[in-house]
Structure formats: C-alpha cells, structure tokens
N, C-alpha and C. Protein backbone atom coordinates (compact mmCIF):
# COMPACT_ATOMS: atom_id res chain seq x y z
N UNK A 1 0.83 -1.21 0.00
CA UNK A 1 0.00 0.00 0.00
C UNK A 1 0.87 1.26 0.00
N UNK A 2 1.95 1.25 0.79
CA UNK A 2 2.80 2.45 0.85
C UNK A 2 3.55 2.67 -0.45
N UNK A 3 3.93 1.57 -1.15
CA UNK A 3 4.61 1.72 -2.44
C UNK A 3 3.71 2.40 -3.45
N UNK A 4 2.43 2.05 -3.43
CA UNK A 4 1.48 2.67 -4.36
C UNK A 4 1.29 4.16 -4.06
N UNK A 5 1.22 4.51 -2.77
CA UNK A 5 1.06 5.93 -2.40
C UNK A 5 2.33 6.71 -2.70
N UNK A 6 3.51 6.09 -2.53
CA UNK A 6 4.76 6.77 -2.89
C UNK A 6 4.83 7.01 -4.39
N UNK A 7 4.40 6.02 -5.17
CA UNK A 7 4.38 6.18 -6.62
C UNK A 7 3.42 7.29 -7.02
N UNK A 8 2.25 7.32 -6.37
CA UNK A 8 1.27 8.37 -6.66
C UNK A 8 1.83 9.74 -6.31
N UNK A 9 2.53 9.86 -5.17
CA UNK A 9 3.13 11.13 -4.77
C UNK A 9 4.20 11.56 -5.77
N UNK A 10 5.00 10.60 -6.25
CA UNK A 10 6.03 10.91 -7.25
C UNK A 10 5.39 11.40 -8.54
N UNK A 11 4.33 10.72 -8.97
CA UNK A 11 3.65 11.13 -10.19
C UNK A 11 3.08 12.53 -10.01
N UNK A 12 2.48 12.79 -8.87
CA UNK A 12 1.94 14.12 -8.61
C UNK A 12 3.05 15.17 -8.59
N UNK A 13 4.19 14.81 -7.99
CA UNK A 13 5.33 15.73 -7.92
C UNK A 13 5.80 16.10 -9.33
N UNK A 14 5.94 15.10 -10.21
CA UNK A 14 6.39 15.35 -11.57
C UNK A 14 5.34 16.14 -12.36
N UNK A 15 4.06 15.86 -12.12
CA UNK A 15 2.99 16.62 -12.79
C UNK A 15 3.02 18.09 -12.36
N UNK A 16 3.26 18.32 -11.06
CA UNK A 16 3.32 19.69 -10.56
C UNK A 16 4.49 20.44 -11.20
N UNK A 17 5.63 19.78 -11.28
CA UNK A 17 6.81 20.41 -11.89
C UNK A 17 6.54 20.70 -13.37
N UNK A 18 5.95 19.74 -14.06
CA UNK A 18 5.65 19.94 -15.47
C UNK A 18 4.65 21.08 -15.68
N UNK A 19 3.63 21.13 -14.86
CA UNK A 19 2.63 22.21 -14.98
C UNK A 19 3.24 23.56 -14.61
N UNK A 20 4.13 23.58 -13.60
CA UNK A 20 4.80 24.83 -13.22
C UNK A 20 5.68 25.32 -14.36
N UNK A 21 6.41 24.41 -15.00
CA UNK A 21 7.23 24.79 -16.15
C UNK A 21 6.40 25.30 -17.31
N UNK A 22 5.28 24.63 -17.57
CA UNK A 22 4.40 25.07 -18.65
C UNK A 22 3.80 26.45 -18.36
N UNK A 23 3.43 26.68 -17.09
CA UNK A 23 2.87 27.98 -16.71
C UNK A 23 3.93 29.08 -16.85
N UNK A 24 5.14 28.80 -16.38
CA UNK A 24 6.22 29.78 -16.52
C UNK A 24 6.53 30.05 -17.99
N UNK A 25 6.43 29.02 -18.81
CA UNK A 25 6.64 29.20 -20.25
C UNK A 25 5.62 30.18 -20.82
N UNK A 26 4.36 30.03 -20.43
CA UNK A 26 3.32 30.95 -20.92
C UNK A 26 3.58 32.37 -20.42
N UNK A 27 4.03 32.50 -19.18
CA UNK A 27 4.29 33.83 -18.61
C UNK A 27 5.46 34.49 -19.33
N UNK A 28 6.54 33.76 -19.54
CA UNK A 28 7.74 34.32 -20.18
C UNK A 28 7.48 34.60 -21.66
N UNK A 29 6.61 33.84 -22.28
CA UNK A 29 6.30 34.06 -23.70
C UNK A 29 5.67 35.43 -23.95
N UNK A 30 4.96 35.94 -22.96
CA UNK A 30 4.29 37.24 -23.13
C UNK A 30 5.29 38.37 -23.32
N UNK A 31 6.27 38.56 -22.40
CA UNK A 31 7.22 39.65 -22.65
C UNK A 31 8.07 39.42 -23.90
N UNK A 32 8.39 38.18 -24.22
CA UNK A 32 9.15 37.91 -25.44
C UNK A 32 8.35 38.38 -26.66
N UNK A 33 7.07 38.07 -26.68
CA UNK A 33 6.20 38.49 -27.78
C UNK A 33 6.08 40.02 -27.81
N UNK A 34 5.85 40.63 -26.65
CA UNK A 34 5.69 42.09 -26.58
C UNK A 34 6.98 42.78 -27.01
N UNK A 35 8.13 42.30 -26.52
CA UNK A 35 9.40 42.91 -26.91
C UNK A 35 9.66 42.77 -28.40
N UNK A 36 9.29 41.62 -28.98
CA UNK A 36 9.53 41.44 -30.42
C UNK A 36 8.65 42.38 -31.25
N UNK A 37 7.41 42.57 -30.83
CA UNK A 37 6.52 43.51 -31.54
C UNK A 37 7.04 44.94 -31.37
N UNK A 38 7.40 45.30 -30.13
CA UNK A 38 7.90 46.66 -29.87
C UNK A 38 9.19 46.92 -30.64
N UNK A 39 10.06 45.92 -30.72
CA UNK A 39 11.31 46.09 -31.45
C UNK A 39 11.03 46.28 -32.94
N UNK A 40 10.12 45.50 -33.49
CA UNK A 40 9.78 45.62 -34.91
C UNK A 40 9.18 46.99 -35.22
N UNK A 41 8.27 47.43 -34.37
CA UNK A 41 7.64 48.74 -34.58
C UNK A 41 8.69 49.85 -34.47
N UNK A 42 9.59 49.73 -33.50
CA UNK A 42 10.63 50.73 -33.32
C UNK A 42 11.55 50.81 -34.53
N UNK A 43 11.95 49.65 -35.05
CA UNK A 43 12.82 49.63 -36.23
C UNK A 43 12.09 50.23 -37.43
N UNK A 44 10.83 49.86 -37.62
CA UNK A 44 10.06 50.41 -38.75
C UNK A 44 9.89 51.92 -38.62
N UNK A 45 9.65 52.41 -37.39
CA UNK A 45 9.57 53.85 -37.18
C UNK A 45 10.88 54.53 -37.54
N UNK A 46 11.98 53.91 -37.10
CA UNK A 46 13.29 54.48 -37.40
C UNK A 46 13.55 54.57 -38.89
N UNK A 47 13.22 53.50 -39.60
CA UNK A 47 13.40 53.49 -41.05
C UNK A 47 12.49 54.52 -41.72
N UNK A 48 11.24 54.57 -41.30
CA UNK A 48 10.27 55.50 -41.89
C UNK A 48 10.74 56.95 -41.72
N UNK A 49 11.12 57.31 -40.49
CA UNK A 49 11.52 58.69 -40.25
C UNK A 49 12.86 59.03 -40.89
N UNK A 50 13.78 58.06 -40.92
CA UNK A 50 15.10 58.35 -41.49
C UNK A 50 15.08 58.44 -43.01
N UNK A 51 14.44 57.48 -43.67
CA UNK A 51 14.55 57.40 -45.13
C UNK A 51 13.39 58.02 -45.88
N UNK A 52 12.21 58.06 -45.28
CA UNK A 52 11.09 58.65 -46.00
C UNK A 52 10.86 60.11 -45.63
N UNK A 53 10.92 60.41 -44.34
CA UNK A 53 10.70 61.80 -43.91
C UNK A 53 12.00 62.60 -43.81
N UNK A 54 13.14 61.90 -43.86
CA UNK A 54 14.46 62.54 -43.78
C UNK A 54 14.66 63.31 -42.47
N UNK A 55 13.95 62.90 -41.43
CA UNK A 55 14.15 63.47 -40.09
C UNK A 55 14.31 62.31 -39.10
N UNK A 56 15.54 61.79 -38.97
CA UNK A 56 15.73 60.59 -38.15
C UNK A 56 15.42 60.82 -36.67
N UNK A 57 14.88 59.77 -36.06
CA UNK A 57 14.65 59.76 -34.62
C UNK A 57 15.90 59.18 -33.97
N UNK A 58 16.44 59.85 -33.00
CA UNK A 58 17.69 59.42 -32.40
C UNK A 58 17.57 58.24 -31.46
N UNK A 59 16.39 57.95 -30.98
CA UNK A 59 16.22 56.94 -29.95
C UNK A 59 15.84 55.56 -30.47
N UNK A 60 15.45 55.43 -31.74
CA UNK A 60 14.93 54.15 -32.23
C UNK A 60 15.98 53.05 -32.28
N UNK A 61 17.19 53.38 -32.69
CA UNK A 61 18.24 52.36 -32.78
C UNK A 61 18.60 51.81 -31.41
N UNK A 62 18.74 52.71 -30.43
CA UNK A 62 19.10 52.27 -29.09
C UNK A 62 17.99 51.46 -28.44
N UNK A 63 16.76 51.92 -28.56
CA UNK A 63 15.65 51.19 -27.96
C UNK A 63 15.48 49.81 -28.59
N UNK A 64 15.57 49.73 -29.91
CA UNK A 64 15.42 48.43 -30.56
C UNK A 64 16.54 47.47 -30.14
N UNK A 65 17.75 47.99 -29.93
CA UNK A 65 18.86 47.15 -29.49
C UNK A 65 18.59 46.58 -28.09
N UNK A 66 18.13 47.40 -27.17
CA UNK A 66 17.87 46.92 -25.81
C UNK A 66 16.67 45.98 -25.76
N UNK A 67 15.66 46.24 -26.57
CA UNK A 67 14.52 45.33 -26.63
C UNK A 67 14.94 43.97 -27.20
N UNK A 68 15.83 44.00 -28.19
CA UNK A 68 16.32 42.75 -28.77
C UNK A 68 17.10 41.94 -27.74
N UNK A 69 17.91 42.62 -26.92
CA UNK A 69 18.68 41.92 -25.89
C UNK A 69 17.74 41.24 -24.89
N UNK A 70 16.75 41.98 -24.40
CA UNK A 70 15.78 41.38 -23.47
C UNK A 70 15.07 40.21 -24.12
N UNK A 71 14.61 40.39 -25.35
CA UNK A 71 13.87 39.35 -26.05
C UNK A 71 14.75 38.10 -26.25
N UNK A 72 15.96 38.30 -26.69
CA UNK A 72 16.85 37.17 -26.98
C UNK A 72 17.21 36.41 -25.71
N UNK A 73 17.52 37.13 -24.64
CA UNK A 73 17.92 36.44 -23.42
C UNK A 73 16.76 35.69 -22.77
N UNK A 74 15.57 36.24 -22.82
CA UNK A 74 14.41 35.50 -22.31
C UNK A 74 14.07 34.32 -23.21
N UNK A 75 14.35 34.44 -24.50
CA UNK A 75 14.10 33.33 -25.42
C UNK A 75 15.02 32.14 -25.12
N UNK A 76 16.20 32.41 -24.60
CA UNK A 76 17.10 31.32 -24.21
C UNK A 76 16.42 30.43 -23.18
N UNK A 77 15.73 31.04 -22.23
CA UNK A 77 15.02 30.27 -21.20
C UNK A 77 13.93 29.41 -21.83
N UNK A 78 13.20 29.97 -22.78
CA UNK A 78 12.15 29.19 -23.45
C UNK A 78 12.75 28.02 -24.21
N UNK A 79 13.90 28.22 -24.81
CA UNK A 79 14.57 27.13 -25.54
C UNK A 79 15.02 26.02 -24.60
N UNK A 80 15.43 26.38 -23.40
CA UNK A 80 15.80 25.35 -22.42
C UNK A 80 14.60 24.48 -22.12
N UNK A 81 13.46 25.09 -21.87
CA UNK A 81 12.26 24.33 -21.52
C UNK A 81 11.75 23.50 -22.69
N UNK A 82 11.87 24.03 -23.90
CA UNK A 82 11.34 23.34 -25.07
C UNK A 82 12.35 22.38 -25.72
N UNK A 83 13.55 22.26 -25.14
CA UNK A 83 14.61 21.40 -25.68
C UNK A 83 14.99 21.82 -27.09
N UNK A 84 15.13 23.10 -27.33
CA UNK A 84 15.39 23.59 -28.68
C UNK A 84 16.82 24.08 -28.89
N UNK A 85 17.69 23.90 -27.90
CA UNK A 85 19.08 24.31 -28.09
C UNK A 85 19.80 23.28 -28.95
N UNK A 86 20.73 23.76 -29.73
CA UNK A 86 21.50 22.88 -30.59
C UNK A 86 22.41 22.02 -29.74
N UNK A 87 22.51 20.76 -30.09
CA UNK A 87 23.39 19.85 -29.37
C UNK A 87 23.82 18.71 -30.27
N UNK A 88 24.98 18.16 -29.97
CA UNK A 88 25.48 17.00 -30.70
C UNK A 88 25.12 15.77 -29.86
N UNK A 89 24.23 14.95 -30.37
CA UNK A 89 23.69 13.84 -29.58
C UNK A 89 24.06 12.47 -30.12
N UNK A 90 24.86 12.43 -31.18
CA UNK A 90 25.20 11.15 -31.79
C UNK A 90 25.89 10.21 -30.80
N UNK A 91 26.86 10.71 -30.06
CA UNK A 91 27.60 9.87 -29.12
C UNK A 91 26.72 9.39 -27.98
N UNK A 92 25.95 10.29 -27.42
CA UNK A 92 25.18 9.96 -26.23
C UNK A 92 24.07 8.95 -26.51
N UNK A 93 23.61 8.89 -27.77
CA UNK A 93 22.58 7.93 -28.14
C UNK A 93 23.14 6.51 -28.26
N UNK A 94 24.45 6.39 -28.36
CA UNK A 94 25.08 5.08 -28.56
C UNK A 94 25.46 4.39 -27.26
N UNK A 95 25.37 5.09 -26.14
CA UNK A 95 25.80 4.50 -24.87
C UNK A 95 24.58 4.07 -24.05
N UNK A 96 24.78 3.23 -23.04
CA UNK A 96 23.65 2.78 -22.21
C UNK A 96 22.91 3.95 -21.55
N UNK A 97 21.61 3.76 -21.34
CA UNK A 97 20.74 4.83 -20.86
C UNK A 97 21.19 5.40 -19.52
N UNK A 98 21.65 4.56 -18.61
CA UNK A 98 22.04 5.07 -17.29
C UNK A 98 23.26 5.98 -17.39
N UNK A 99 24.20 5.60 -18.22
CA UNK A 99 25.40 6.43 -18.42
C UNK A 99 25.01 7.72 -19.15
N UNK A 100 24.15 7.58 -20.14
CA UNK A 100 23.71 8.76 -20.89
C UNK A 100 22.98 9.74 -19.98
N UNK A 101 22.11 9.23 -19.12
CA UNK A 101 21.39 10.11 -18.19
C UNK A 101 22.35 10.79 -17.23
N UNK A 102 23.40 10.08 -16.80
CA UNK A 102 24.40 10.67 -15.91
C UNK A 102 25.16 11.79 -16.62
N UNK A 103 25.51 11.57 -17.88
CA UNK A 103 26.22 12.59 -18.64
C UNK A 103 25.33 13.82 -18.84
N UNK A 104 24.07 13.60 -19.17
CA UNK A 104 23.14 14.72 -19.35
C UNK A 104 22.97 15.47 -18.04
N UNK A 105 22.84 14.75 -16.94
CA UNK A 105 22.71 15.39 -15.63
C UNK A 105 23.95 16.22 -15.30
N UNK A 106 25.13 15.66 -15.52
CA UNK A 106 26.37 16.38 -15.26
C UNK A 106 26.46 17.64 -16.12
N UNK A 107 26.09 17.50 -17.39
CA UNK A 107 26.08 18.65 -18.30
C UNK A 107 25.12 19.72 -17.81
N UNK A 108 23.93 19.31 -17.38
CA UNK A 108 22.95 20.27 -16.87
C UNK A 108 23.42 20.94 -15.58
N UNK A 109 24.13 20.22 -14.75
CA UNK A 109 24.67 20.81 -13.52
C UNK A 109 25.71 21.88 -13.87
N UNK A 110 26.55 21.61 -14.85
CA UNK A 110 27.53 22.61 -15.29
C UNK A 110 26.83 23.85 -15.85
N UNK A 111 25.80 23.65 -16.64
CA UNK A 111 25.04 24.78 -17.19
C UNK A 111 24.38 25.56 -16.05
N UNK A 112 23.83 24.83 -15.07
CA UNK A 112 23.19 25.48 -13.93
C UNK A 112 24.19 26.34 -13.16
N UNK A 113 25.39 25.81 -12.96
CA UNK A 113 26.43 26.58 -12.26
C UNK A 113 26.81 27.83 -13.06
N UNK A 114 26.95 27.68 -14.38
CA UNK A 114 27.25 28.83 -15.23
C UNK A 114 26.15 29.88 -15.10
N UNK A 115 24.90 29.46 -15.09
CA UNK A 115 23.79 30.40 -14.95
C UNK A 115 23.81 31.08 -13.58
N UNK A 116 24.20 30.34 -12.56
CA UNK A 116 24.33 30.93 -11.22
C UNK A 116 25.38 32.04 -11.23
N UNK A 117 26.54 31.75 -11.82
CA UNK A 117 27.61 32.76 -11.90
C UNK A 117 27.14 33.96 -12.72
N UNK A 118 26.45 33.68 -13.82
CA UNK A 118 25.92 34.75 -14.66
C UNK A 118 24.93 35.62 -13.89
N UNK A 119 24.11 34.99 -13.07
CA UNK A 119 23.15 35.74 -12.25
C UNK A 119 23.87 36.61 -11.23
N UNK A 120 24.81 36.01 -10.53
CA UNK A 120 25.54 36.73 -9.49
C UNK A 120 26.24 37.96 -10.05
N UNK A 121 27.02 37.77 -11.09
CA UNK A 121 27.76 38.89 -11.66
C UNK A 121 26.87 39.80 -12.50
N UNK A 122 25.76 39.27 -13.00
CA UNK A 122 24.81 40.09 -13.73
C UNK A 122 24.17 41.14 -12.84
N UNK A 123 23.85 40.76 -11.60
CA UNK A 123 23.29 41.74 -10.65
C UNK A 123 24.33 42.81 -10.30
N UNK A 124 25.59 42.40 -10.17
CA UNK A 124 26.66 43.37 -9.88
C UNK A 124 26.80 44.34 -11.06
N UNK A 125 26.80 43.80 -12.27
CA UNK A 125 26.91 44.63 -13.47
C UNK A 125 25.73 45.60 -13.57
N UNK A 126 24.52 45.09 -13.33
CA UNK A 126 23.33 45.93 -13.42
C UNK A 126 23.34 47.01 -12.35
N UNK A 127 23.83 46.68 -11.17
CA UNK A 127 23.89 47.68 -10.11
C UNK A 127 24.86 48.80 -10.46
N UNK A 128 25.97 48.44 -11.08
CA UNK A 128 26.92 49.47 -11.52
C UNK A 128 26.34 50.30 -12.66
N UNK A 129 25.39 49.72 -13.39
CA UNK A 129 24.77 50.43 -14.50
C UNK A 129 23.86 51.57 -14.07
N UNK A 130 23.54 51.62 -12.78
CA UNK A 130 22.67 52.72 -12.34
C UNK A 130 23.37 54.07 -12.41
N UNK A 131 24.70 54.06 -12.55
CA UNK A 131 25.46 55.30 -12.67
C UNK A 131 25.68 55.70 -14.13
N UNK A 132 25.24 54.84 -15.06
CA UNK A 132 25.40 55.12 -16.48
C UNK A 132 24.05 55.53 -17.07
N UNK A 133 24.07 56.48 -17.94
CA UNK A 133 22.86 56.94 -18.60
C UNK A 133 22.97 56.62 -20.09
N UNK A 134 21.93 56.02 -20.64
CA UNK A 134 21.95 55.73 -22.08
C UNK A 134 21.88 57.05 -22.84
N UNK A 135 22.62 57.12 -23.91
CA UNK A 135 22.77 58.41 -24.61
C UNK A 135 21.49 58.87 -25.29
N UNK A 136 20.79 58.00 -25.98
CA UNK A 136 19.61 58.44 -26.73
C UNK A 136 18.32 58.40 -25.91
N UNK A 137 18.20 57.41 -25.03
CA UNK A 137 16.96 57.26 -24.26
C UNK A 137 16.97 58.07 -22.97
N UNK A 138 18.15 58.45 -22.53
CA UNK A 138 18.31 59.21 -21.29
C UNK A 138 17.73 58.48 -20.08
N UNK A 139 17.95 57.16 -20.05
CA UNK A 139 17.53 56.34 -18.91
C UNK A 139 18.76 55.70 -18.30
N UNK A 140 18.61 55.27 -17.07
CA UNK A 140 19.71 54.56 -16.43
C UNK A 140 19.89 53.20 -17.09
N UNK A 141 21.12 52.75 -17.21
CA UNK A 141 21.41 51.48 -17.86
C UNK A 141 21.06 50.29 -16.98
N UNK A 142 20.76 50.53 -15.72
CA UNK A 142 20.47 49.42 -14.81
C UNK A 142 19.34 48.55 -15.33
N UNK A 143 18.27 49.19 -15.81
CA UNK A 143 17.10 48.42 -16.23
C UNK A 143 17.37 47.63 -17.50
N UNK A 144 18.22 48.14 -18.35
CA UNK A 144 18.54 47.40 -19.57
C UNK A 144 19.51 46.26 -19.26
N UNK A 145 20.43 46.51 -18.32
CA UNK A 145 21.40 45.47 -17.95
C UNK A 145 20.77 44.37 -17.07
N UNK A 146 19.61 44.62 -16.51
CA UNK A 146 18.93 43.60 -15.70
C UNK A 146 18.47 42.42 -16.56
N UNK A 147 18.55 42.55 -17.85
CA UNK A 147 18.18 41.44 -18.74
C UNK A 147 19.04 40.21 -18.46
N UNK A 148 20.31 40.42 -18.12
CA UNK A 148 21.22 39.30 -17.89
C UNK A 148 20.84 38.51 -16.64
N UNK A 149 20.75 39.12 -15.46
CA UNK A 149 20.41 38.30 -14.29
C UNK A 149 18.97 37.79 -14.30
N UNK A 150 18.04 38.57 -14.81
CA UNK A 150 16.64 38.12 -14.83
C UNK A 150 16.49 36.90 -15.73
N UNK A 151 17.05 36.97 -16.92
CA UNK A 151 16.95 35.82 -17.82
C UNK A 151 17.71 34.62 -17.28
N UNK A 152 18.81 34.85 -16.59
CA UNK A 152 19.57 33.74 -16.00
C UNK A 152 18.75 33.04 -14.92
N UNK A 153 18.04 33.79 -14.12
CA UNK A 153 17.19 33.19 -13.08
C UNK A 153 16.09 32.36 -13.72
N UNK A 154 15.46 32.91 -14.75
CA UNK A 154 14.40 32.16 -15.43
C UNK A 154 14.97 30.89 -16.06
N UNK A 155 16.16 30.98 -16.65
CA UNK A 155 16.82 29.79 -17.20
C UNK A 155 17.09 28.75 -16.12
N UNK A 156 17.53 29.20 -14.94
CA UNK A 156 17.80 28.27 -13.85
C UNK A 156 16.52 27.55 -13.41
N UNK A 157 15.42 28.27 -13.34
CA UNK A 157 14.15 27.64 -12.95
C UNK A 157 13.74 26.60 -13.99
N UNK A 158 13.80 26.97 -15.27
CA UNK A 158 13.45 26.01 -16.32
C UNK A 158 14.39 24.81 -16.30
N UNK A 159 15.67 25.05 -16.13
CA UNK A 159 16.63 23.96 -16.13
C UNK A 159 16.41 23.04 -14.93
N UNK A 160 16.11 23.60 -13.76
CA UNK A 160 15.83 22.77 -12.58
C UNK A 160 14.59 21.90 -12.82
N UNK A 161 13.55 22.48 -13.38
CA UNK A 161 12.35 21.70 -13.70
C UNK A 161 12.68 20.59 -14.69
N UNK A 162 13.45 20.92 -15.70
CA UNK A 162 13.83 19.93 -16.71
C UNK A 162 14.65 18.80 -16.09
N UNK A 163 15.57 19.16 -15.19
CA UNK A 163 16.41 18.14 -14.55
C UNK A 163 15.56 17.19 -13.70
N UNK A 164 14.59 17.72 -12.99
CA UNK A 164 13.71 16.86 -12.20
C UNK A 164 12.89 15.95 -13.10
N UNK A 165 12.38 16.48 -14.19
CA UNK A 165 11.58 15.67 -15.11
C UNK A 165 12.42 14.61 -15.81
N UNK A 166 13.70 14.90 -16.04
CA UNK A 166 14.58 13.91 -16.67
C UNK A 166 14.78 12.68 -15.79
N UNK A 167 14.61 12.82 -14.49
CA UNK A 167 14.73 11.67 -13.58
C UNK A 167 13.69 10.62 -13.95
N UNK A 168 12.49 11.07 -14.24
CA UNK A 168 11.38 10.17 -14.55
C UNK A 168 11.50 9.57 -15.95
N UNK A 169 12.09 10.30 -16.86
CA UNK A 169 12.15 9.86 -18.25
C UNK A 169 13.06 8.65 -18.40
N UNK A 170 12.60 7.66 -19.16
CA UNK A 170 13.37 6.43 -19.29
C UNK A 170 14.03 6.29 -20.67
N UNK A 171 13.66 7.14 -21.61
CA UNK A 171 14.19 7.06 -22.96
C UNK A 171 15.09 8.27 -23.21
N UNK A 172 16.28 8.04 -23.74
CA UNK A 172 17.21 9.12 -23.99
C UNK A 172 16.66 10.09 -25.03
N UNK A 173 15.87 9.58 -25.98
CA UNK A 173 15.24 10.45 -26.97
C UNK A 173 14.31 11.44 -26.30
N UNK A 174 13.61 10.96 -25.28
CA UNK A 174 12.68 11.81 -24.55
C UNK A 174 13.43 12.90 -23.79
N UNK A 175 14.62 12.58 -23.31
CA UNK A 175 15.43 13.56 -22.58
C UNK A 175 16.01 14.59 -23.54
N UNK A 176 16.53 14.13 -24.66
CA UNK A 176 17.19 15.02 -25.62
C UNK A 176 16.21 15.72 -26.55
N UNK A 177 15.12 15.06 -26.85
CA UNK A 177 14.08 15.59 -27.74
C UNK A 177 14.60 15.93 -29.14
N UNK A 178 15.71 15.35 -29.53
CA UNK A 178 16.27 15.70 -30.83
C UNK A 178 15.53 15.02 -31.98
N UNK A 179 15.01 13.84 -31.78
CA UNK A 179 14.29 13.14 -32.85
C UNK A 179 13.02 13.90 -33.24
N UNK A 180 12.41 14.55 -32.27
CA UNK A 180 11.22 15.33 -32.55
C UNK A 180 11.53 16.45 -33.54
N UNK A 181 12.66 17.11 -33.33
CA UNK A 181 13.07 18.18 -34.23
C UNK A 181 13.40 17.61 -35.60
N UNK A 182 14.11 16.49 -35.63
CA UNK A 182 14.47 15.86 -36.90
C UNK A 182 13.22 15.42 -37.66
N UNK A 183 12.25 14.85 -36.97
CA UNK A 183 10.99 14.46 -37.62
C UNK A 183 10.27 15.68 -38.21
N UNK A 184 10.30 16.79 -37.48
CA UNK A 184 9.65 18.01 -37.98
C UNK A 184 10.34 18.51 -39.25
N UNK A 185 11.67 18.45 -39.27
CA UNK A 185 12.41 18.88 -40.45
C UNK A 185 12.08 17.97 -41.63
N UNK A 186 12.03 16.66 -41.38
CA UNK A 186 11.69 15.72 -42.45
C UNK A 186 10.30 16.02 -43.01
N UNK A 187 9.34 16.26 -42.13
CA UNK A 187 7.98 16.55 -42.59
C UNK A 187 7.93 17.84 -43.40
N UNK A 188 8.61 18.86 -42.90
CA UNK A 188 8.55 20.17 -43.55
C UNK A 188 9.25 20.17 -44.91
N UNK A 189 10.39 19.55 -44.96
CA UNK A 189 11.18 19.59 -46.19
C UNK A 189 11.01 18.35 -47.06
N UNK A 190 10.27 17.37 -46.54
CA UNK A 190 10.04 16.12 -47.25
C UNK A 190 11.36 15.47 -47.69
N UNK A 191 12.33 15.49 -46.77
CA UNK A 191 13.63 14.89 -47.05
C UNK A 191 13.74 13.56 -46.33
N UNK A 192 14.52 12.69 -46.85
CA UNK A 192 14.79 11.42 -46.18
C UNK A 192 16.22 11.48 -45.65
N UNK A 193 16.36 11.94 -44.42
CA UNK A 193 17.69 12.12 -43.82
C UNK A 193 18.12 10.83 -43.15
C-alpha cells in the first residue's frame, strides 16, 4: 500500500513540476512576444523617419537594441524548456541509458552553475549600471542590464524543472528531444535524412 502511495506522490510531484514549467513558459512568452513587436515597430519607425521623412529619430536604434537583448535572453530560457538548443547527440545515443542520463545530468549541472555565476555577476553589473545613462533614451542602464540576471534566473528555474523531469524519463530520446526536431524537419522539407 505504501509503495502505491509513494508512486502516486512521485507522479503528482512530476505533474506539478511539469505544470509549473508550462505555466512559466506561458508567462515568459508574453514579454518575449511584446518585446519582439515593440522592437519591430521601433525599427520600422526608425526606417520611416530616417529614409522617407528625412528626419531621423535618435532613440529608435538604441531602444530596438535593448529590446532585442531582453527578447533574446528571455528566449534562451524558453529554448531550455522546449529542448530547442543545438546539441550533438550522436555519441550519447550510442551508450547505455544510465550512463547517458548521468552525462546529461552532469552537463545540466555545469550549465546550472554557469547560470548561477551569470546571475551573481549580472546583478553586480546591473547595479553598476545605475550610474550610467543611455545616450539616446536618457535612462539609467540598470534596467537594460537587468536582462542578464533576470533571464539567468528564469533559465535556472526552467533547467531545474527539466532536470527533475529527466529523472522520470526512461528514454534518452525523450530527454534530448532531438528526434522530434528531426521528424519536424523531415515533414517540412520532405527529405529522407
């Protein structure tokens, strides 16, 4: 009886982690979408005023650059959750599943540590940015530099959720998710790779 309840608790634990990751994905997708629209509009405004009206706006280039940085760094977190980062998986697919899972776990721990360091020093960098003023926008650089630690924290949360879910996964394909991408490419391009 206790084994069944422990299994049920484990299943519930993994479901909670999966649902939390999915919810965070939806939350993070909103600013990524908003930043991409704002960046596109800003670039189009800059082009319109510079080349059609011949009266360039000085702030469009700088704003679009900072919006792109926020958008790109938050997109890294989404790619972690969706297993969309590029990786070489040929070797790891050839070894036994337990060894492969250990290698993936070790790799994820190294990435997690890197993200921790990036967060720590990102906050220091952003704090020093409060003394810098952006030239065109006339705002403190702190808020633009906060993209580094904020996105690193979100990446760490996604990576931790992924690492917990990898414990339950028994197939290396399910952990790497690379076959899913390859199947999509085959369907889209109708190639036999």
